[in-house]
Amino acid sequence: MRPLVLVAHGTKDPAGALTTEALATAVGRELDLPVTVAYADVREPRLAEVLVDHAVVVPAFLASGYHVRVDVPAEITRSGRRHITLTPALGAAPELIAVAALRLVEAGWRPGDAVVLGAAGSSDEGALAEVRTAAALLADRLGDAVTIGYVTTAAPGLGTALETARRTGRRVSVASWLLAPGLFHQALRVAGHAVVAEPLGPHERVVDLIVRRYRDAIV
């Protein structure tokens, strides 16, 4: 079996790192091989430090922004390792939409709530298009409209999206399009709404998606 490196964004929040490690452990258990974790930002180790020849790199990102398009490939080049396969990011896969809906239900969502999907922003239009796809798929699953609020960079910002939702007169529920705890998820909580979904985390469907990315790469 080829080595697997799971590369995540990185966060100063220890809970975020624990979530990433738990995800890697669960993937490794499913594939029966060790999974190495690397980070694109904030935390160590970086990808170039842990890569070995013939590795498969799976970006644990919900959209293909700058880190996925530029930083991760640059780290692969910097490593000097040979025969590296870089898989697509996780994106708006059906498995993740199902988990986002589940987390929202667990948090107390009720039909009729105005739903805002809290997501990391990006300056990359392709990445924003992936988030819009995720919102549309979540709306289909919930049977009601879902608007987006970006924590950083993109518009509409989270505060603007939440204010617009409040003006509908409906109770507001905040869905999470984030993989792990960290500053971005704290921003969702600070908004002060009673219903704030947890990040997707190491749910079995997230694990299944990463396993599928790996197996598709080694065919």
C-alpha atoms as a PDB file:
ATOM      1  CA  MET A   1       0.000   0.000   0.000  1.00  0.00           C
ATOM      2  CA  ARG A   2       1.230   3.481  -0.797  1.00  0.00           C
ATOM      3  CA  PRO A   3       1.766   5.879   2.138  1.00  0.00           C
ATOM      4  CA  LEU A   4      -1.054   8.330   2.846  1.00  0.00           C
ATOM      5  CA  VAL A   5      -0.561  11.910   4.023  1.00  0.00           C
ATOM      6  CA  LEU A   6      -3.608  13.839   5.164  1.00  0.00           C
ATOM      7  CA  VAL A   7      -2.967  17.581   4.895  1.00  0.00           C
ATOM      8  CA  ALA A   8      -5.249  19.960   6.798  1.00  0.00           C
ATOM      9  CA  HIS A   9      -5.364  23.740   7.139  1.00  0.00           C
ATOM     10  CA  GLY A  10      -4.084  23.940  10.705  1.00  0.00           C
ATOM     11  CA  THR A  11      -5.319  25.894  13.704  1.00  0.00           C
ATOM     12  CA  LYS A  12      -3.973  27.175  17.014  1.00  0.00           C
ATOM     13  CA  ASP A  13      -6.904  25.471  18.750  1.00  0.00           C
ATOM     14  CA  PRO A  14      -5.681  22.154  20.223  1.00  0.00           C
ATOM     15  CA  ALA A  15      -9.152  20.705  19.692  1.00  0.00           C
ATOM     16  CA  GLY A  16      -8.747  21.262  15.965  1.00  0.00           C
ATOM     17  CA  ALA A  17      -5.495  19.310  15.891  1.00  0.00           C
ATOM     18  CA  LEU A  18      -7.067  16.516  17.929  1.00  0.00           C
ATOM     19  CA  THR A  19      -9.923  16.326  15.436  1.00  0.00           C
ATOM     20  CA  THR A  20      -7.499  16.049  12.526  1.00  0.00           C
ATOM     21  CA  GLU A  21      -5.509  13.354  14.314  1.00  0.00           C
ATOM     22  CA  ALA A  22      -8.706  11.445  15.116  1.00  0.00           C
ATOM     23  CA  LEU A  23      -9.707  11.619  11.473  1.00  0.00           C
ATOM     24  CA  ALA A  24      -6.291  10.314  10.388  1.00  0.00           C
ATOM     25  CA  THR A  25      -6.464   7.498  12.926  1.00  0.00           C
ATOM     26  CA  ALA A  26      -9.906   6.440  11.717  1.00  0.00           C
ATOM     27  CA  VAL A  27      -8.794   6.503   8.073  1.00  0.00           C
ATOM     28  CA  GLY A  28      -5.718   4.472   8.935  1.00  0.00           C
ATOM     29  CA  ARG A  29      -7.837   1.917  10.739  1.00  0.00           C
ATOM     30  CA  GLU A  30     -10.098   1.579   7.707  1.00  0.00           C
ATOM     31  CA  LEU A  31      -7.187   1.196   5.274  1.00  0.00           C
ATOM     32  CA  ASP A  32      -4.956  -0.748   7.664  1.00  0.00           C
ATOM     33  CA  LEU A  33      -1.985   1.560   7.162  1.00  0.00           C
ATOM     34  CA  PRO A  34      -0.426   4.472   9.073  1.00  0.00           C
ATOM     35  CA  VAL A  35      -1.670   7.914   8.066  1.00  0.00           C
ATOM     36  CA  THR A  36       0.637  10.903   8.464  1.00  0.00           C
ATOM     37  CA  VAL A  37      -0.807  14.347   9.214  1.00  0.00           C
ATOM     38  CA  ALA A  38       0.621  17.573   7.810  1.00  0.00           C
ATOM     39  CA  TYR A  39      -0.620  21.166   7.858  1.00  0.00           C
ATOM     40  CA  ALA A  40      -0.761  23.888   5.225  1.00  0.00           C
ATOM     41  CA  ASP A  41      -0.672  26.740   7.741  1.00  0.00           C
ATOM     42  CA  VAL A  42      -0.363  27.649  11.445  1.00  0.00           C
ATOM     43  CA  ARG A  43       0.769  24.228  12.737  1.00  0.00           C
ATOM     44  CA  GLU A  44       3.682  21.890  12.125  1.00  0.00           C
ATOM     45  CA  PRO A  45       4.720  19.649  10.481  1.00  0.00           C
ATOM     46  CA  ARG A  46       4.459  21.007   6.968  1.00  0.00           C
ATOM     47  CA  LEU A  47       3.899  18.657   4.077  1.00  0.00           C
ATOM     48  CA  ALA A  48       7.449  18.818   2.676  1.00  0.00           C
ATOM     49  CA  GLU A  49       8.801  17.620   6.025  1.00  0.00           C
ATOM     50  CA  VAL A  50       6.831  14.378   6.137  1.00  0.00           C
ATOM     51  CA  LEU A  51       6.490  13.325   2.494  1.00  0.00           C
ATOM     52  CA  VAL A  52       8.071  10.110   1.280  1.00  0.00           C
ATOM     53  CA  ASP A  53       8.348   8.731  -2.241  1.00  0.00           C
ATOM     54  CA  HIS A  54       5.146   7.267  -3.745  1.00  0.00           C
ATOM     55  CA  ALA A  55       2.904   8.946  -1.155  1.00  0.00           C
ATOM     56  CA  VAL A  56      -0.728   9.835  -1.793  1.00  0.00           C
ATOM     57  CA  VAL A  57      -1.622  13.299  -0.483  1.00  0.00           C
ATOM     58  CA  VAL A  58      -5.267  13.948   0.394  1.00  0.00           C
ATOM     59  CA  PRO A  59      -6.134  17.616   1.119  1.00  0.00           C
ATOM     60  CA  ALA A  60      -8.693  17.673   3.950  1.00  0.00           C
ATOM     61  CA  PHE A  61     -10.252  20.907   2.701  1.00  0.00           C
ATOM     62  CA  LEU A  62     -13.896  21.626   1.964  1.00  0.00           C
ATOM     63  CA  ALA A  63     -13.020  23.824  -1.026  1.00  0.00           C
ATOM     64  CA  SER A  64     -10.079  24.099  -3.414  1.00  0.00           C
ATOM     65  CA  GLY A  65      -8.757  27.535  -2.504  1.00  0.00           C
ATOM     66  CA  TYR A  66      -5.216  28.913  -2.465  1.00  0.00           C
ATOM     67  CA  HIS A  67      -3.819  26.320  -0.058  1.00  0.00           C
ATOM     68  CA  VAL A  68      -5.031  23.433  -2.205  1.00  0.00           C
ATOM     69  CA  ARG A  69      -4.174  24.981  -5.581  1.00  0.00           C
ATOM     70  CA  VAL A  70      -0.849  26.623  -4.702  1.00  0.00           C
ATOM     71  CA  ASP A  71       0.588  25.842  -1.261  1.00  0.00           C
ATOM     72  CA  VAL A  72       0.155  22.071  -1.261  1.00  0.00           C
ATOM     73  CA  PRO A  73       1.635  21.539  -4.765  1.00  0.00           C
ATOM     74  CA  ALA A  74       4.506  23.882  -3.838  1.00  0.00           C
ATOM     75  CA  GLU A  75       5.231  21.826  -0.726  1.00  0.00           C
ATOM     76  CA  ILE A  76       5.266  18.664  -2.822  1.00  0.00           C
ATOM     77  CA  THR A  77       7.790  20.254  -5.191  1.00  0.00           C
ATOM     78  CA  ARG A  78       9.898  21.542  -2.287  1.00  0.00           C
ATOM     79  CA  SER A  79      10.068  18.086  -0.769  1.00  0.00           C
ATOM     80  CA  GLY A  80      11.917  16.676  -3.765  1.00  0.00           C
ATOM     81  CA  ARG A  81      10.039  13.394  -3.338  1.00  0.00           C
ATOM     82  CA  ARG A  82       9.149  11.322  -6.388  1.00  0.00           C
ATOM     83  CA  HIS A  83       5.917   9.770  -7.666  1.00  0.00           C
ATOM     84  CA  ILE A  84       3.576  11.767  -5.417  1.00  0.00           C
ATOM     85  CA  THR A  85      -0.158  11.654  -6.159  1.00  0.00           C
ATOM     86  CA  LEU A  86      -2.254  14.638  -5.080  1.00  0.00           C
ATOM     87  CA  THR A  87      -5.973  13.871  -4.873  1.00  0.00           C
ATOM     88  CA  PRO A  88      -8.819  16.377  -5.189  1.00  0.00           C
ATOM     89  CA  ALA A  89      -9.891  18.173  -2.023  1.00  0.00           C
ATOM     90  CA  LEU A  90     -12.949  16.873  -0.199  1.00  0.00           C
ATOM     91  CA  GLY A  91     -15.262  19.539  -1.623  1.00  0.00           C
ATOM     92  CA  ALA A  92     -19.056  19.456  -1.630  1.00  0.00           C
ATOM     93  CA  ALA A  93     -19.267  15.673  -1.651  1.00  0.00           C
ATOM     94  CA  PRO A  94     -22.614  14.033  -0.790  1.00  0.00           C
ATOM     95  CA  GLU A  95     -21.049  12.392   2.265  1.00  0.00           C
ATOM     96  CA  LEU A  96     -20.148  15.780   3.711  1.00  0.00           C
ATOM     97  CA  ILE A  97     -23.540  17.315   2.976  1.00  0.00           C
ATOM     98  CA  ALA A  98     -25.128  14.467   4.911  1.00  0.00           C
ATOM     99  CA  VAL A  99     -22.830  15.107   7.880  1.00  0.00           C
ATOM    100  CA  ALA A 100     -23.474  18.879   7.775  1.00  0.00           C
ATOM    101  CA  ALA A 101     -27.218  18.194   7.909  1.00  0.00           C
ATOM    102  CA  LEU A 102     -26.759  15.727  10.759  1.00  0.00           C
ATOM    103  CA  ARG A 103     -24.696  18.189  12.789  1.00  0.00           C
ATOM    104  CA  LEU A 104     -27.385  20.826  12.280  1.00  0.00           C
ATOM    105  CA  VAL A 105     -30.119  18.466  13.465  1.00  0.00           C
ATOM    106  CA  GLU A 106     -27.996  17.488  16.472  1.00  0.00           C
ATOM    107  CA  ALA A 107     -27.663  21.179  17.366  1.00  0.00           C
ATOM    108  CA  GLY A 108     -31.445  21.629  17.457  1.00  0.00           C
ATOM    109  CA  TRP A 109     -32.449  22.764  13.952  1.00  0.00           C
ATOM    110  CA  ARG A 110     -36.187  22.702  13.270  1.00  0.00           C
ATOM    111  CA  PRO A 111     -37.980  22.895   9.913  1.00  0.00           C
ATOM    112  CA  GLY A 112     -38.837  26.520   9.276  1.00  0.00           C
ATOM    113  CA  ASP A 113     -35.600  27.907  10.720  1.00  0.00           C
ATOM    114  CA  ALA A 114     -33.641  30.380   8.600  1.00  0.00           C
ATOM    115  CA  VAL A 115     -30.379  28.523   7.933  1.00  0.00           C
ATOM    116  CA  VAL A 116     -27.031  30.245   7.437  1.00  0.00           C
ATOM    117  CA  LEU A 117     -24.112  28.074   6.364  1.00  0.00           C
ATOM    118  CA  GLY A 118     -20.969  29.345   8.081  1.00  0.00           C
ATOM    119  CA  ALA A 119     -17.929  28.778   5.865  1.00  0.00           C
ATOM    120  CA  ALA A 120     -14.338  29.865   5.501  1.00  0.00           C
ATOM    121  CA  GLY A 121     -13.975  32.496   2.812  1.00  0.00           C
ATOM    122  CA  SER A 122     -11.571  32.569  -0.108  1.00  0.00           C
ATOM    123  CA  SER A 123     -10.395  34.960  -2.799  1.00  0.00           C
ATOM    124  CA  ASP A 124     -10.645  32.058  -5.262  1.00  0.00           C
ATOM    125  CA  GLU A 125     -13.882  32.064  -7.240  1.00  0.00           C
ATOM    126  CA  GLY A 126     -13.658  28.329  -7.819  1.00  0.00           C
ATOM    127  CA  ALA A 127     -13.546  27.699  -4.082  1.00  0.00           C
ATOM    128  CA  LEU A 128     -16.536  29.990  -3.516  1.00  0.00           C
ATOM    129  CA  ALA A 129     -18.441  28.124  -6.225  1.00  0.00           C
ATOM    130  CA  GLU A 130     -17.846  24.894  -4.310  1.00  0.00           C
ATOM    131  CA  VAL A 131     -19.283  26.475  -1.156  1.00  0.00           C
ATOM    132  CA  ARG A 132     -22.332  27.637  -3.112  1.00  0.00           C
ATOM    133  CA  THR A 133     -22.782  24.090  -4.352  1.00  0.00           C
ATOM    134  CA  ALA A 134     -22.612  22.832  -0.777  1.00  0.00           C
ATOM    135  CA  ALA A 135     -25.263  25.348   0.305  1.00  0.00           C
ATOM    136  CA  ALA A 136     -27.552  24.335  -2.557  1.00  0.00           C
ATOM    137  CA  LEU A 137     -27.177  20.632  -1.758  1.00  0.00           C
ATOM    138  CA  LEU A 138     -27.814  21.259   1.936  1.00  0.00           C
ATOM    139  CA  ALA A 139     -30.907  23.268   1.027  1.00  0.00           C
ATOM    140  CA  ASP A 140     -32.198  20.341  -1.026  1.00  0.00           C
ATOM    141  CA  ARG A 141     -31.642  18.037   1.918  1.00  0.00           C
ATOM    142  CA  LEU A 142     -33.359  20.344   4.418  1.00  0.00           C
ATOM    143  CA  GLY A 143     -36.175  21.330   2.077  1.00  0.00           C
ATOM    144  CA  ASP A 144     -35.602  25.050   2.616  1.00  0.00           C
ATOM    145  CA  ALA A 145     -33.277  27.836   1.512  1.00  0.00           C
ATOM    146  CA  VAL A 146     -29.736  28.017   2.884  1.00  0.00           C
ATOM    147  CA  THR A 147     -27.729  31.230   2.707  1.00  0.00           C
ATOM    148  CA  ILE A 148     -23.956  31.511   3.140  1.00  0.00           C
ATOM    149  CA  GLY A 149     -22.017  33.608   5.617  1.00  0.00           C
ATOM    150  CA  TYR A 150     -18.240  33.715   5.160  1.00  0.00           C
ATOM    151  CA  VAL A 151     -16.062  34.079   8.237  1.00  0.00           C
ATOM    152  CA  THR A 152     -13.260  35.758   6.275  1.00  0.00           C
ATOM    153  CA  THR A 153     -12.347  37.270   2.909  1.00  0.00           C
ATOM    154  CA  ALA A 154     -15.524  36.736   0.859  1.00  0.00           C
ATOM    155  CA  ALA A 155     -18.964  38.342   0.857  1.00  0.00           C
ATOM    156  CA  PRO A 156     -21.482  38.142   2.323  1.00  0.00           C
ATOM    157  CA  GLY A 157     -19.695  38.128   5.644  1.00  0.00           C
ATOM    158  CA  LEU A 158     -21.087  36.042   8.468  1.00  0.00           C
ATOM    159  CA  GLY A 159     -22.462  39.048  10.356  1.00  0.00           C
ATOM    160  CA  THR A 160     -24.274  40.365   7.289  1.00  0.00           C
ATOM    161  CA  ALA A 161     -25.744  36.964   6.476  1.00  0.00           C
ATOM    162  CA  LEU A 162     -26.970  36.475  10.044  1.00  0.00           C
ATOM    163  CA  GLU A 163     -28.529  39.942  10.191  1.00  0.00           C
ATOM    164  CA  THR A 164     -30.360  39.278   6.933  1.00  0.00           C
ATOM    165  CA  ALA A 165     -31.609  35.962   8.325  1.00  0.00           C
ATOM    166  CA  ARG A 166     -32.798  37.618  11.551  1.00  0.00           C
ATOM    167  CA  ARG A 167     -34.825  40.129   9.576  1.00  0.00           C
ATOM    168  CA  THR A 168     -36.963  37.293   8.218  1.00  0.00           C
ATOM    169  CA  GLY A 169     -38.479  36.928  11.677  1.00  0.00           C
ATOM    170  CA  ARG A 170     -37.621  33.241  11.733  1.00  0.00           C
ATOM    171  CA  ARG A 171     -35.418  31.521  14.253  1.00  0.00           C
ATOM    172  CA  VAL A 172     -31.853  31.350  12.917  1.00  0.00           C
ATOM    173  CA  SER A 173     -29.853  28.134  12.802  1.00  0.00           C
ATOM    174  CA  VAL A 174     -26.175  28.202  11.856  1.00  0.00           C
ATOM    175  CA  ALA A 175     -24.871  25.224   9.904  1.00  0.00           C
ATOM    176  CA  SER A 176     -21.141  24.557   9.858  1.00  0.00           C
ATOM    177  CA  TRP A 177     -19.142  24.074   6.661  1.00  0.00           C
ATOM    178  CA  LEU A 178     -15.954  23.581   8.649  1.00  0.00           C
ATOM    179  CA  LEU A 179     -14.068  20.361   9.210  1.00  0.00           C
ATOM    180  CA  ALA A 180     -12.604  20.950  12.671  1.00  0.00           C
ATOM    181  CA  PRO A 181     -12.831  23.320  15.654  1.00  0.00           C
ATOM    182  CA  GLY A 182     -10.767  26.493  15.562  1.00  0.00           C
ATOM    183  CA  LEU A 183     -11.032  30.256  15.260  1.00  0.00           C
ATOM    184  CA  PHE A 184     -13.488  30.044  12.376  1.00  0.00           C
ATOM    185  CA  HIS A 185     -15.903  27.872  14.326  1.00  0.00           C
ATOM    186  CA  GLN A 186     -15.519  30.124  17.354  1.00  0.00           C
ATOM    187  CA  ALA A 187     -16.731  32.956  15.121  1.00  0.00           C
ATOM    188  CA  LEU A 188     -19.935  31.013  14.484  1.00  0.00           C
ATOM    189  CA  ARG A 189     -20.472  30.589  18.217  1.00  0.00           C
ATOM    190  CA  VAL A 190     -19.773  34.245  19.007  1.00  0.00           C
ATOM    191  CA  ALA A 191     -22.690  35.171  16.766  1.00  0.00           C
ATOM    192  CA  GLY A 192     -24.872  34.215  19.729  1.00  0.00           C
ATOM    193  CA  HIS A 193     -27.533  32.032  18.150  1.00  0.00           C
ATOM    194  CA  ALA A 194     -28.961  29.123  20.108  1.00  0.00           C
ATOM    195  CA  VAL A 195     -28.504  26.686  17.242  1.00  0.00           C
ATOM    196  CA  VAL A 196     -24.913  26.450  16.026  1.00  0.00           C
ATOM    197  CA  ALA A 197     -23.847  23.155  14.468  1.00  0.00           C
ATOM    198  CA  GLU A 198     -20.560  21.508  15.347  1.00  0.00           C
ATOM    199  CA  PRO A 199     -17.869  21.062  12.674  1.00  0.00           C
ATOM    200  CA  LEU A 200     -18.105  17.936  10.535  1.00  0.00           C
ATOM    201  CA  GLY A 201     -15.324  16.243  12.516  1.00  0.00           C
ATOM    202  CA  PRO A 202     -14.201  12.617  12.221  1.00  0.00           C
ATOM    203  CA  HIS A 203     -17.623  11.256  11.286  1.00  0.00           C
ATOM    204  CA  GLU A 204     -17.584   7.884   9.546  1.00  0.00           C
ATOM    205  CA  ARG A 205     -18.830   9.448   6.310  1.00  0.00           C
ATOM    206  CA  VAL A 206     -15.929  11.898   6.296  1.00  0.00           C
ATOM    207  CA  VAL A 207     -13.628   8.942   6.852  1.00  0.00           C
ATOM    208  CA  ASP A 208     -15.303   7.059   3.997  1.00  0.00           C
ATOM    209  CA  LEU A 209     -14.728   9.974   1.628  1.00  0.00           C
ATOM    210  CA  ILE A 210     -11.025  10.204   2.442  1.00  0.00           C
ATOM    211  CA  VAL A 211     -10.693   6.450   2.021  1.00  0.00           C
ATOM    212  CA  ARG A 212     -12.375   6.732  -1.374  1.00  0.00           C
ATOM    213  CA  ARG A 213     -10.028   9.551  -2.430  1.00  0.00           C
ATOM    214  CA  TYR A 214      -7.072   7.346  -1.514  1.00  0.00           C
ATOM    215  CA  ARG A 215      -8.368   4.222  -3.240  1.00  0.00           C
ATOM    216  CA  ASP A 216      -9.240   6.160  -6.406  1.00  0.00           C
ATOM    217  CA  ALA A 217      -5.651   7.462  -6.470  1.00  0.00           C
ATOM    218  CA  ILE A 218      -4.002   4.044  -6.304  1.00  0.00           C
ATOM    219  CA  VAL A 219      -6.118   2.318  -8.948  1.00  0.00           C
END
